[in-house]
Amino acid sequence: MTFDELYKEAKKVTGERILSPYAETGSVGAALLTQQGNIFTGVCIDTACSMGFCAEHAAAATMITSGENRVIKIVAVGEDGTIMLPCGRCREFIRQLHSDNLLAEVLIAPGKVVLLKDLLPFVWEQD
């Protein structure tokens, strides 16, 4: 699975929708590829009182629900097609789901891929 294909999967789930006067979704989509070769997607949910969550969290939750936790590749895409870096909360969340997720490849710009560990150079726990 190439990042171009993964990008297309993330882009498919974008598209802003109003859920209620207090919530909207779809401004960001994410897609991740697992060690078993499955693709999971998710969208952000933005709420008026900040209880929403990121697209990467939604994709990871679906992955966990399906019994997997090892991420090989991940990309987040804005509704306009802009590649977006996972926020710090998403980076840390994905890292904690499997110790090898630090080796997950993250698309951060067209043609530019880094490892998750490069986006989290200092870990909080003591060895």
C-alpha atoms as a PDB file:
ATOM      1  CA  MET A   1       0.000   0.000   0.000  1.00  0.00           C
ATOM      2  CA  THR A   2       1.536   3.277  -1.105  1.00  0.00           C
ATOM      3  CA  PHE A   3       1.008   6.610   0.607  1.00  0.00           C
ATOM      4  CA  ASP A   4      -0.827   7.811  -2.503  1.00  0.00           C
ATOM      5  CA  GLU A   5      -3.398   5.054  -1.980  1.00  0.00           C
ATOM      6  CA  LEU A   6      -3.595   5.716   1.757  1.00  0.00           C
ATOM      7  CA  TYR A   7      -4.020   9.446   1.091  1.00  0.00           C
ATOM      8  CA  LYS A   8      -6.988   8.699  -1.202  1.00  0.00           C
ATOM      9  CA  GLU A   9      -8.622   6.599   1.503  1.00  0.00           C
ATOM     10  CA  ALA A  10      -8.237   9.421   4.032  1.00  0.00           C
ATOM     11  CA  LYS A  11      -9.573  11.986   1.572  1.00  0.00           C
ATOM     12  CA  LYS A  12     -12.677   9.863   0.875  1.00  0.00           C
ATOM     13  CA  VAL A  13     -13.960  10.304   4.437  1.00  0.00           C
ATOM     14  CA  THR A  14     -13.578  14.091   4.550  1.00  0.00           C
ATOM     15  CA  GLY A  15     -16.437  16.442   3.892  1.00  0.00           C
ATOM     16  CA  GLU A  16     -17.760  18.724   6.584  1.00  0.00           C
ATOM     17  CA  ARG A  17     -21.137  17.826   7.989  1.00  0.00           C
ATOM     18  CA  ILE A  18     -23.099  19.542  10.724  1.00  0.00           C
ATOM     19  CA  LEU A  19     -24.171  16.997  13.323  1.00  0.00           C
ATOM     20  CA  SER A  20     -26.005  19.369  15.653  1.00  0.00           C
ATOM     21  CA  PRO A  21     -25.826  23.030  16.703  1.00  0.00           C
ATOM     22  CA  TYR A  22     -22.853  21.976  18.851  1.00  0.00           C
ATOM     23  CA  ALA A  23     -20.954  19.472  16.716  1.00  0.00           C
ATOM     24  CA  GLU A  24     -19.585  19.031  13.228  1.00  0.00           C
ATOM     25  CA  THR A  25     -17.403  16.444  11.543  1.00  0.00           C
ATOM     26  CA  GLY A  26     -15.362  15.721   8.439  1.00  0.00           C
ATOM     27  CA  SER A  27     -12.922  18.610   8.192  1.00  0.00           C
ATOM     28  CA  VAL A  28     -10.052  16.122   8.650  1.00  0.00           C
ATOM     29  CA  GLY A  29      -9.856  12.477   7.628  1.00  0.00           C
ATOM     30  CA  ALA A  30      -7.178   9.946   8.505  1.00  0.00           C
ATOM     31  CA  ALA A  31      -6.181   6.547   7.204  1.00  0.00           C
ATOM     32  CA  LEU A  32      -3.796   4.058   8.709  1.00  0.00           C
ATOM     33  CA  LEU A  33      -2.332   0.812   7.479  1.00  0.00           C
ATOM     34  CA  THR A  34      -1.840  -1.992   9.978  1.00  0.00           C
ATOM     35  CA  GLN A  35       0.721  -4.742  10.225  1.00  0.00           C
ATOM     36  CA  GLN A  36      -1.918  -7.183   8.969  1.00  0.00           C
ATOM     37  CA  GLY A  37      -2.443  -5.065   5.843  1.00  0.00           C
ATOM     38  CA  ASN A  38      -5.801  -3.569   6.818  1.00  0.00           C
ATOM     39  CA  ILE A  39      -6.771   0.048   6.301  1.00  0.00           C
ATOM     40  CA  PHE A  40      -8.780   1.924   8.906  1.00  0.00           C
ATOM     41  CA  THR A  41     -10.152   5.414   8.416  1.00  0.00           C
ATOM     42  CA  GLY A  42     -11.646   8.014  10.713  1.00  0.00           C
ATOM     43  CA  VAL A  43     -12.866  11.593  10.794  1.00  0.00           C
ATOM     44  CA  CYS A  44     -12.492  14.311  13.372  1.00  0.00           C
ATOM     45  CA  ILE A  45     -15.459  15.364  15.465  1.00  0.00           C
ATOM     46  CA  ASP A  46     -15.385  18.983  16.610  1.00  0.00           C
ATOM     47  CA  THR A  47     -17.675  20.036  19.446  1.00  0.00           C
ATOM     48  CA  ALA A  48     -18.497  23.371  21.037  1.00  0.00           C
ATOM     49  CA  CYS A  49     -17.126  22.326  24.432  1.00  0.00           C
ATOM     50  CA  SER A  50     -13.931  20.613  23.190  1.00  0.00           C
ATOM     51  CA  MET A  51     -15.043  17.039  23.855  1.00  0.00           C
ATOM     52  CA  GLY A  52     -14.445  15.987  20.254  1.00  0.00           C
ATOM     53  CA  PHE A  53     -11.526  14.035  18.918  1.00  0.00           C
ATOM     54  CA  CYS A  54      -9.135  13.834  15.996  1.00  0.00           C
ATOM     55  CA  ALA A  55      -9.448  11.746  12.848  1.00  0.00           C
ATOM     56  CA  GLU A  56      -6.354   9.751  13.827  1.00  0.00           C
ATOM     57  CA  HIS A  57      -8.037   8.793  17.122  1.00  0.00           C
ATOM     58  CA  ALA A  58     -11.154   7.665  15.261  1.00  0.00           C
ATOM     59  CA  ALA A  59      -9.107   5.510  12.856  1.00  0.00           C
ATOM     60  CA  ALA A  60      -7.088   4.030  15.725  1.00  0.00           C
ATOM     61  CA  ALA A  61     -10.251   3.239  17.695  1.00  0.00           C
ATOM     62  CA  THR A  62     -11.663   1.323  14.734  1.00  0.00           C
ATOM     63  CA  MET A  63      -8.358  -0.533  14.429  1.00  0.00           C
ATOM     64  CA  ILE A  64      -8.465  -1.492  18.124  1.00  0.00           C
ATOM     65  CA  THR A  65     -12.115  -2.556  17.811  1.00  0.00           C
ATOM     66  CA  SER A  66     -11.022  -4.883  15.011  1.00  0.00           C
ATOM     67  CA  GLY A  67      -8.362  -6.468  17.223  1.00  0.00           C
ATOM     68  CA  GLU A  68      -5.247  -4.783  15.879  1.00  0.00           C
ATOM     69  CA  ASN A  69      -2.835  -2.263  17.392  1.00  0.00           C
ATOM     70  CA  ARG A  70       0.295  -2.100  15.199  1.00  0.00           C
ATOM     71  CA  VAL A  71       0.379   0.858  12.784  1.00  0.00           C
ATOM     72  CA  ILE A  72       2.684   0.696   9.757  1.00  0.00           C
ATOM     73  CA  LYS A  73       1.661   3.923   7.955  1.00  0.00           C
ATOM     74  CA  ILE A  74      -0.625   6.841   8.731  1.00  0.00           C
ATOM     75  CA  VAL A  75      -1.779  10.014   7.009  1.00  0.00           C
ATOM     76  CA  ALA A  76      -4.198  12.800   7.952  1.00  0.00           C
ATOM     77  CA  VAL A  77      -5.803  14.987   5.284  1.00  0.00           C
ATOM     78  CA  GLY A  78      -7.770  18.198   5.492  1.00  0.00           C
ATOM     79  CA  GLU A  79     -10.984  18.580   3.536  1.00  0.00           C
ATOM     80  CA  ASP A  80      -9.089  20.759   1.046  1.00  0.00           C
ATOM     81  CA  GLY A  81      -6.563  17.946   0.453  1.00  0.00           C
ATOM     82  CA  THR A  82      -3.775  19.380   2.614  1.00  0.00           C
ATOM     83  CA  ILE A  83      -1.659  16.754   4.347  1.00  0.00           C
ATOM     84  CA  MET A  84      -1.713  17.422   8.081  1.00  0.00           C
ATOM     85  CA  LEU A  85       0.682  16.302  10.784  1.00  0.00           C
ATOM     86  CA  PRO A  86      -0.868  14.402  13.680  1.00  0.00           C
ATOM     87  CA  CYS A  87      -1.145  16.598  16.749  1.00  0.00           C
ATOM     88  CA  GLY A  88       0.935  15.789  19.815  1.00  0.00           C
ATOM     89  CA  ARG A  89      -1.980  14.040  21.509  1.00  0.00           C
ATOM     90  CA  CYS A  90      -2.463  11.750  18.483  1.00  0.00           C
ATOM     91  CA  ARG A  91       1.247  11.029  18.225  1.00  0.00           C
ATOM     92  CA  GLU A  92       1.425   9.972  21.865  1.00  0.00           C
ATOM     93  CA  PHE A  93      -1.842   8.015  21.669  1.00  0.00           C
ATOM     94  CA  ILE A  94      -0.687   5.943  18.697  1.00  0.00           C
ATOM     95  CA  ARG A  95       2.718   5.403  20.298  1.00  0.00           C
ATOM     96  CA  GLN A  96       1.143   3.919  23.404  1.00  0.00           C
ATOM     97  CA  LEU A  97      -0.982   1.389  21.495  1.00  0.00           C
ATOM     98  CA  HIS A  98       2.054  -0.735  20.511  1.00  0.00           C
ATOM     99  CA  SER A  99       5.750  -0.301  21.293  1.00  0.00           C
ATOM    100  CA  ASP A 100       6.676  -0.713  17.609  1.00  0.00           C
ATOM    101  CA  ASN A 101       4.337   2.108  16.559  1.00  0.00           C
ATOM    102  CA  LEU A 102       7.300   4.442  17.057  1.00  0.00           C
ATOM    103  CA  LEU A 103       8.459   2.959  13.736  1.00  0.00           C
ATOM    104  CA  ALA A 104       5.205   3.847  11.956  1.00  0.00           C
ATOM    105  CA  GLU A 105       5.742   5.938   8.829  1.00  0.00           C
ATOM    106  CA  VAL A 106       3.903   9.272   8.839  1.00  0.00           C
ATOM    107  CA  LEU A 107       3.268  11.251   5.651  1.00  0.00           C
ATOM    108  CA  ILE A 108       3.878  14.892   6.647  1.00  0.00           C
ATOM    109  CA  ALA A 109       3.988  16.547   3.208  1.00  0.00           C
ATOM    110  CA  PRO A 110       3.784  15.383  -0.404  1.00  0.00           C
ATOM    111  CA  GLY A 111       6.656  12.925  -0.827  1.00  0.00           C
ATOM    112  CA  LYS A 112       7.957  13.495   2.728  1.00  0.00           C
ATOM    113  CA  VAL A 113       7.716  10.609   5.201  1.00  0.00           C
ATOM    114  CA  VAL A 114       9.125  10.457   8.726  1.00  0.00           C
ATOM    115  CA  LEU A 115       8.910   7.894  11.501  1.00  0.00           C
ATOM    116  CA  LEU A 116       6.579   8.571  14.403  1.00  0.00           C
ATOM    117  CA  LYS A 117       9.576   8.495  16.754  1.00  0.00           C
ATOM    118  CA  ASP A 118      11.019  11.478  14.869  1.00  0.00           C
ATOM    119  CA  LEU A 119       7.871  13.438  15.722  1.00  0.00           C
ATOM    120  CA  LEU A 120       8.247  12.380  19.382  1.00  0.00           C
ATOM    121  CA  PRO A 121      11.960  12.733  20.093  1.00  0.00           C
ATOM    122  CA  PHE A 122      11.603  12.793  23.879  1.00  0.00           C
ATOM    123  CA  VAL A 123       9.414  10.277  25.695  1.00  0.00           C
ATOM    124  CA  TRP A 124       7.840  10.985  29.047  1.00  0.00           C
ATOM    125  CA  GLU A 125       8.355   7.645  30.793  1.00  0.00           C
ATOM    126  CA  GLN A 126      11.581   6.611  32.437  1.00  0.00           C
ATOM    127  CA  ASP A 127      13.407   3.509  31.180  1.00  0.00           C
END
